[in-house]
């Protein structure tokens, strides 16, 4: 047997306990970082999109209108999997404010409340 064969054959088949704990901690840390990233993205970007439209013309009410491009909040946690759509019709409440919209997406038409729609800056 050569010296190289001895070294290769003496490797452990499984991870040592210390290495397994390190990998587990690393996975938990990465998961926590990913969750923080999505939370910050939603809080700092998506919600600021709504307020950004108020600052462009502060005297008028912030209302969606037909033709606006929006991101439709979906059941999936990943915001990258949410649908984009175009507002086709707005539904106005008794007080004159837009309360819901009919949005055309690649999956068809959806009726969504304004709270689930994030307008894009275009």
N, C-alpha and C. Protein backbone atom coordinates (compact mmCIF):
# COMPACT_ATOMS: atom_id res chain seq x y z
N UNK A 1 0.83 -1.18 0.00
CA UNK A 1 0.00 0.00 0.00
C UNK A 1 0.88 1.25 0.00
N UNK A 2 0.50 2.21 -0.79
CA UNK A 2 1.29 3.43 -0.84
C UNK A 2 0.84 4.37 0.27
N UNK A 3 1.61 5.41 0.45
CA UNK A 3 1.30 6.39 1.51
C UNK A 3 0.01 7.14 1.20
N UNK A 4 -0.25 7.43 -0.08
CA UNK A 4 -1.45 8.15 -0.50
C UNK A 4 -2.70 7.33 -0.21
N UNK A 5 -2.68 6.03 -0.47
CA UNK A 5 -3.83 5.18 -0.20
C UNK A 5 -4.15 5.13 1.29
N UNK A 6 -3.16 5.14 2.12
CA UNK A 6 -3.39 5.12 3.57
C UNK A 6 -4.10 6.38 4.03
N UNK A 7 -3.72 7.51 3.51
CA UNK A 7 -4.32 8.78 3.90
C UNK A 7 -5.77 8.84 3.42
N UNK A 8 -6.04 8.43 2.21
CA UNK A 8 -7.40 8.48 1.68
C UNK A 8 -8.33 7.53 2.42
N UNK A 9 -7.86 6.36 2.77
CA UNK A 9 -8.71 5.37 3.43
C UNK A 9 -8.93 5.65 4.90
N UNK A 10 -8.19 6.55 5.51
CA UNK A 10 -8.36 6.82 6.93
C UNK A 10 -9.31 7.99 7.20
N UNK A 11 -9.98 8.50 6.16
CA UNK A 11 -10.94 9.59 6.37
C UNK A 11 -12.20 9.06 7.03
N UNK A 12 -12.84 9.85 7.88
CA UNK A 12 -14.09 9.39 8.50
C UNK A 12 -15.23 9.38 7.47
N UNK A 13 -16.15 8.46 7.61
CA UNK A 13 -17.27 8.35 6.69
C UNK A 13 -18.31 9.43 6.96
N UNK A 14 -18.51 9.82 8.18
CA UNK A 14 -19.50 10.83 8.54
C UNK A 14 -18.80 12.05 9.13
N UNK A 15 -19.58 13.12 9.30
CA UNK A 15 -19.06 14.32 9.92
C UNK A 15 -18.85 14.07 11.41
N UNK A 16 -17.88 14.75 11.93
CA UNK A 16 -17.71 14.72 13.38
C UNK A 16 -18.80 15.56 14.01
N UNK A 17 -19.09 15.35 15.27
CA UNK A 17 -20.16 16.05 15.97
C UNK A 17 -19.95 17.56 15.91
N UNK A 18 -18.77 18.02 16.07
CA UNK A 18 -18.48 19.45 16.06
C UNK A 18 -18.79 20.06 14.70
N UNK A 19 -18.45 19.37 13.63
CA UNK A 19 -18.72 19.87 12.29
C UNK A 19 -20.21 19.92 12.01
N UNK A 20 -20.96 18.93 12.47
CA UNK A 20 -22.40 18.90 12.27
C UNK A 20 -23.07 20.06 13.00
N UNK A 21 -22.64 20.34 14.21
CA UNK A 21 -23.19 21.47 14.96
C UNK A 21 -22.90 22.78 14.23
N UNK A 22 -21.71 22.91 13.69
CA UNK A 22 -21.33 24.12 12.96
C UNK A 22 -22.21 24.29 11.73
N UNK A 23 -22.44 23.22 10.99
CA UNK A 23 -23.30 23.29 9.81
C UNK A 23 -24.74 23.63 10.18
N UNK A 24 -25.23 23.08 11.26
CA UNK A 24 -26.59 23.38 11.70
C UNK A 24 -26.73 24.84 12.10
N UNK A 25 -25.76 25.34 12.86
CA UNK A 25 -25.79 26.76 13.25
C UNK A 25 -25.70 27.67 12.03
N UNK A 26 -24.88 27.30 11.07
CA UNK A 26 -24.74 28.10 9.84
C UNK A 26 -26.05 28.15 9.06
N UNK A 27 -26.74 27.02 8.96
CA UNK A 27 -28.02 26.96 8.26
C UNK A 27 -29.06 27.83 8.96
N UNK A 28 -29.13 27.76 10.28
CA UNK A 28 -30.06 28.60 11.03
C UNK A 28 -29.75 30.08 10.86
N UNK A 29 -28.47 30.41 10.86
CA UNK A 29 -28.06 31.80 10.67
C UNK A 29 -28.45 32.30 9.28
N UNK A 30 -28.22 31.48 8.26
CA UNK A 30 -28.58 31.87 6.89
C UNK A 30 -30.09 32.03 6.74
N UNK A 31 -30.86 31.16 7.37
CA UNK A 31 -32.32 31.27 7.32
C UNK A 31 -32.78 32.56 7.99
N UNK A 32 -32.19 32.89 9.11
CA UNK A 32 -32.54 34.12 9.82
C UNK A 32 -32.19 35.35 8.99
N UNK A 33 -31.03 35.34 8.33
CA UNK A 33 -30.65 36.46 7.47
C UNK A 33 -31.61 36.63 6.30
N UNK A 34 -32.02 35.52 5.69
CA UNK A 34 -32.94 35.58 4.57
C UNK A 34 -34.29 36.15 5.00
N UNK A 35 -34.77 35.73 6.16
CA UNK A 35 -36.04 36.26 6.67
C UNK A 35 -35.93 37.76 6.94
N UNK A 36 -34.81 38.21 7.52
CA UNK A 36 -34.60 39.63 7.77
C UNK A 36 -34.54 40.42 6.47
N UNK A 37 -33.92 39.85 5.45
CA UNK A 37 -33.84 40.52 4.15
C UNK A 37 -35.22 40.77 3.57
N UNK A 38 -36.08 39.74 3.56
CA UNK A 38 -37.42 39.90 3.01
C UNK A 38 -38.25 40.87 3.84
N UNK A 39 -38.10 40.85 5.14
CA UNK A 39 -38.84 41.77 6.00
C UNK A 39 -38.43 43.21 5.71
N UNK A 40 -37.13 43.45 5.62
CA UNK A 40 -36.67 44.81 5.32
C UNK A 40 -37.09 45.24 3.93
N UNK A 41 -37.05 44.31 2.98
CA UNK A 41 -37.44 44.65 1.60
C UNK A 41 -38.89 45.08 1.56
N UNK A 42 -39.74 44.36 2.28
CA UNK A 42 -41.15 44.72 2.30
C UNK A 42 -41.36 46.05 3.02
N UNK A 43 -40.74 46.20 4.18
CA UNK A 43 -40.95 47.41 4.97
C UNK A 43 -40.33 48.64 4.32
N UNK A 44 -39.12 48.51 3.80
CA UNK A 44 -38.42 49.68 3.32
C UNK A 44 -38.66 49.99 1.85
N UNK A 45 -38.99 49.01 1.05
CA UNK A 45 -39.19 49.28 -0.38
C UNK A 45 -40.65 49.28 -0.76
N UNK A 46 -41.34 48.19 -0.52
CA UNK A 46 -42.72 48.10 -0.96
C UNK A 46 -43.62 49.13 -0.30
N UNK A 47 -43.48 49.29 1.01
CA UNK A 47 -44.35 50.25 1.68
C UNK A 47 -43.98 51.69 1.34
N UNK A 48 -42.73 51.94 1.01
CA UNK A 48 -42.34 53.28 0.59
C UNK A 48 -42.83 53.59 -0.81
N UNK A 49 -43.09 52.56 -1.62
CA UNK A 49 -43.67 52.81 -2.94
C UNK A 49 -45.03 53.50 -2.80
N UNK A 50 -45.78 53.06 -1.80
CA UNK A 50 -47.09 53.68 -1.57
C UNK A 50 -46.95 55.14 -1.19
N UNK A 51 -46.04 55.44 -0.27
CA UNK A 51 -45.90 56.82 0.19
C UNK A 51 -45.23 57.70 -0.86
N UNK A 52 -44.42 57.12 -1.72
CA UNK A 52 -43.76 57.91 -2.76
C UNK A 52 -44.77 58.54 -3.70
N UNK A 53 -45.87 57.87 -3.93
CA UNK A 53 -46.89 58.42 -4.81
C UNK A 53 -47.60 59.60 -4.16
N UNK A 54 -47.63 59.66 -2.84
CA UNK A 54 -48.24 60.80 -2.14
C UNK A 54 -47.39 62.05 -2.28
N UNK A 55 -46.07 61.90 -2.31
CA UNK A 55 -45.19 63.06 -2.35
C UNK A 55 -45.12 63.71 -3.73
N UNK A 56 -45.45 63.00 -4.79
CA UNK A 56 -45.38 63.59 -6.11
C UNK A 56 -46.44 64.67 -6.29
N UNK A 57 -47.61 64.46 -5.70
CA UNK A 57 -48.69 65.43 -5.80
C UNK A 57 -49.45 65.40 -4.47
N UNK A 58 -48.90 66.06 -3.42
CA UNK A 58 -49.46 65.91 -2.09
C UNK A 58 -50.86 66.49 -1.91
N UNK A 59 -51.29 67.39 -2.79
CA UNK A 59 -52.60 67.99 -2.60
C UNK A 59 -53.74 67.06 -3.02
N UNK A 60 -53.46 66.13 -3.90
CA UNK A 60 -54.52 65.22 -4.35
C UNK A 60 -54.51 63.94 -3.54
N UNK A 61 -55.61 63.26 -3.54
CA UNK A 61 -55.71 61.97 -2.85
C UNK A 61 -54.91 60.92 -3.61
N UNK A 62 -54.31 59.99 -2.87
CA UNK A 62 -53.57 58.91 -3.51
C UNK A 62 -54.56 57.83 -3.91
N UNK A 63 -54.88 57.80 -5.16
CA UNK A 63 -55.81 56.80 -5.67
C UNK A 63 -55.18 56.10 -6.85
N UNK A 64 -55.38 54.81 -6.91
CA UNK A 64 -54.97 54.07 -8.09
C UNK A 64 -55.94 54.40 -9.21
N UNK A 65 -55.46 54.31 -10.43
CA UNK A 65 -56.33 54.57 -11.57
C UNK A 65 -56.09 53.50 -12.63
N UNK A 66 -56.97 53.42 -13.57
CA UNK A 66 -56.84 52.44 -14.64
C UNK A 66 -55.53 52.63 -15.38
N UNK A 67 -54.86 51.54 -15.66
CA UNK A 67 -53.59 51.60 -16.38
C UNK A 67 -52.37 51.55 -15.48
N UNK A 68 -52.53 51.71 -14.17
CA UNK A 68 -51.39 51.64 -13.25
C UNK A 68 -50.87 50.20 -13.19
N UNK A 69 -49.55 50.07 -13.10
CA UNK A 69 -48.92 48.77 -12.96
C UNK A 69 -48.67 48.54 -11.47
N UNK A 70 -49.09 47.37 -11.00
CA UNK A 70 -49.00 47.07 -9.57
C UNK A 70 -48.41 45.68 -9.35
N UNK A 71 -47.89 45.49 -8.14
CA UNK A 71 -47.47 44.18 -7.68
C UNK A 71 -48.57 43.67 -6.78
N UNK A 72 -49.12 42.48 -7.09
CA UNK A 72 -50.25 41.93 -6.36
C UNK A 72 -49.74 40.98 -5.28
N UNK A 73 -50.00 41.32 -4.02
CA UNK A 73 -49.55 40.47 -2.92
C UNK A 73 -50.27 39.14 -3.01
N UNK A 74 -49.49 38.06 -2.90
CA UNK A 74 -50.06 36.73 -3.03
C UNK A 74 -49.88 35.90 -1.78
N UNK A 75 -50.32 34.65 -1.82
CA UNK A 75 -50.22 33.78 -0.65
C UNK A 75 -48.81 33.29 -0.37
N UNK A 76 -47.94 33.36 -1.37
CA UNK A 76 -46.57 32.88 -1.20
C UNK A 76 -45.75 33.91 -0.45
N UNK A 77 -44.83 33.44 0.39
CA UNK A 77 -44.00 34.36 1.16
C UNK A 77 -42.98 35.07 0.29
N UNK A 78 -42.51 34.39 -0.74
CA UNK A 78 -41.49 34.99 -1.59
C UNK A 78 -42.11 36.08 -2.46
N UNK A 79 -41.64 37.28 -2.26
CA UNK A 79 -42.18 38.41 -3.03
C UNK A 79 -41.82 38.31 -4.50
N UNK A 80 -40.78 37.55 -4.81
CA UNK A 80 -40.39 37.37 -6.20
C UNK A 80 -41.42 36.55 -6.95
N UNK A 81 -42.26 35.81 -6.25
CA UNK A 81 -43.27 34.98 -6.88
C UNK A 81 -44.63 35.66 -6.95
N UNK A 82 -44.75 36.89 -6.44
CA UNK A 82 -46.00 37.62 -6.55
C UNK A 82 -46.21 38.02 -8.00
N UNK A 83 -47.47 38.19 -8.40
CA UNK A 83 -47.81 38.55 -9.78
C UNK A 83 -47.76 40.05 -9.97
N UNK A 84 -47.39 40.43 -11.18
CA UNK A 84 -47.51 41.83 -11.59
C UNK A 84 -48.80 41.94 -12.39
N UNK A 85 -49.42 43.09 -12.33
CA UNK A 85 -50.66 43.26 -13.07
C UNK A 85 -50.91 44.70 -13.43
N UNK A 86 -51.95 44.88 -14.24
CA UNK A 86 -52.36 46.21 -14.67
C UNK A 86 -53.78 46.44 -14.15
N UNK A 87 -53.98 47.59 -13.52
CA UNK A 87 -55.31 47.93 -13.00
C UNK A 87 -56.22 48.21 -14.19
N UNK A 88 -57.31 47.45 -14.28
CA UNK A 88 -58.26 47.65 -15.37
C UNK A 88 -59.45 48.50 -14.94
N UNK A 89 -59.87 48.32 -13.70
CA UNK A 89 -61.03 49.06 -13.22
C UNK A 89 -60.85 49.33 -11.73
N UNK A 90 -61.24 50.51 -11.28
CA UNK A 90 -61.17 50.83 -9.86
C UNK A 90 -62.58 50.79 -9.28
N UNK A 91 -62.68 50.37 -8.03
CA UNK A 91 -63.96 50.31 -7.34
C UNK A 91 -63.92 51.33 -6.22
N UNK A 92 -64.79 52.31 -6.30
CA UNK A 92 -64.80 53.44 -5.37
C UNK A 92 -65.82 53.18 -4.28
N UNK A 93 -65.44 53.52 -3.04
CA UNK A 93 -66.34 53.37 -1.90
C UNK A 93 -67.30 54.54 -1.80
N UNK A 94 -68.18 54.51 -0.80
CA UNK A 94 -69.16 55.58 -0.61
C UNK A 94 -68.51 56.93 -0.31
N UNK A 95 -67.30 56.87 0.27
CA UNK A 95 -66.61 58.11 0.62
C UNK A 95 -65.82 58.70 -0.54
N UNK A 96 -65.83 58.07 -1.69
CA UNK A 96 -65.15 58.60 -2.86
C UNK A 96 -63.71 58.12 -3.02
N UNK A 97 -63.22 57.32 -2.11
CA UNK A 97 -61.86 56.80 -2.20
C UNK A 97 -61.87 55.42 -2.86
N UNK A 98 -60.77 55.12 -3.55
CA UNK A 98 -60.64 53.81 -4.18
C UNK A 98 -60.44 52.78 -3.08
N UNK A 99 -61.27 51.75 -3.06
CA UNK A 99 -61.21 50.71 -2.04
C UNK A 99 -60.72 49.37 -2.59
N UNK A 100 -60.97 49.11 -3.87
CA UNK A 100 -60.56 47.85 -4.49
C UNK A 100 -60.32 48.10 -5.97
N UNK A 101 -59.68 47.13 -6.61
CA UNK A 101 -59.39 47.23 -8.04
C UNK A 101 -59.56 45.87 -8.70
N UNK A 102 -59.91 45.91 -9.95
CA UNK A 102 -59.88 44.70 -10.77
C UNK A 102 -58.58 44.77 -11.55
N UNK A 103 -57.74 43.75 -11.35
CA UNK A 103 -56.38 43.75 -11.89
C UNK A 103 -56.24 42.60 -12.88
N UNK A 104 -55.64 42.91 -14.04
CA UNK A 104 -55.36 41.88 -15.03
C UNK A 104 -53.94 41.36 -14.81
N UNK A 105 -53.82 40.06 -14.56
CA UNK A 105 -52.53 39.42 -14.37
C UNK A 105 -52.40 38.31 -15.41
N UNK A 106 -51.22 37.70 -15.52
CA UNK A 106 -51.09 36.58 -16.45
C UNK A 106 -52.03 35.41 -16.13
N UNK A 107 -52.49 35.31 -14.89
CA UNK A 107 -53.39 34.23 -14.49
C UNK A 107 -54.86 34.57 -14.69
N UNK A 108 -55.15 35.78 -15.12
CA UNK A 108 -56.54 36.20 -15.31
C UNK A 108 -56.83 37.46 -14.52
N UNK A 109 -58.11 37.81 -14.45
CA UNK A 109 -58.51 39.00 -13.72
C UNK A 109 -58.76 38.66 -12.26
N UNK A 110 -58.30 39.57 -11.39
CA UNK A 110 -58.47 39.41 -9.95
C UNK A 110 -59.09 40.67 -9.37
N UNK A 111 -59.88 40.50 -8.34
CA UNK A 111 -60.40 41.65 -7.59
C UNK A 111 -59.65 41.69 -6.27
N UNK A 112 -58.91 42.77 -6.03
CA UNK A 112 -58.09 42.90 -4.82
C UNK A 112 -58.31 44.24 -4.16
N UNK A 113 -58.20 44.25 -2.83
CA UNK A 113 -58.29 45.51 -2.10
C UNK A 113 -57.01 46.30 -2.32
N UNK A 114 -57.08 47.59 -2.07
CA UNK A 114 -55.93 48.47 -2.28
C UNK A 114 -54.77 48.09 -1.36
N UNK A 115 -55.07 47.53 -0.19
CA UNK A 115 -54.02 47.17 0.74
C UNK A 115 -53.15 46.03 0.22
N UNK A 116 -53.63 45.26 -0.73
CA UNK A 116 -52.85 44.15 -1.30
C UNK A 116 -52.17 44.51 -2.61
N UNK A 117 -52.23 45.78 -3.00
CA UNK A 117 -51.63 46.24 -4.25
C UNK A 117 -50.51 47.23 -3.95
N UNK A 118 -49.37 47.02 -4.62
CA UNK A 118 -48.22 47.91 -4.45
C UNK A 118 -47.91 48.53 -5.80
N UNK A 119 -48.21 49.83 -5.98
CA UNK A 119 -47.97 50.46 -7.28
C UNK A 119 -46.47 50.63 -7.55
N UNK A 120 -46.11 50.48 -8.82
CA UNK A 120 -44.73 50.67 -9.24
C UNK A 120 -44.50 52.11 -9.67
N UNK A 121 -43.26 52.56 -9.54
CA UNK A 121 -42.89 53.90 -9.97
C UNK A 121 -42.49 53.83 -11.43
N UNK A 122 -43.41 54.11 -12.30
CA UNK A 122 -43.09 54.09 -13.74
C UNK A 122 -43.46 55.41 -14.34
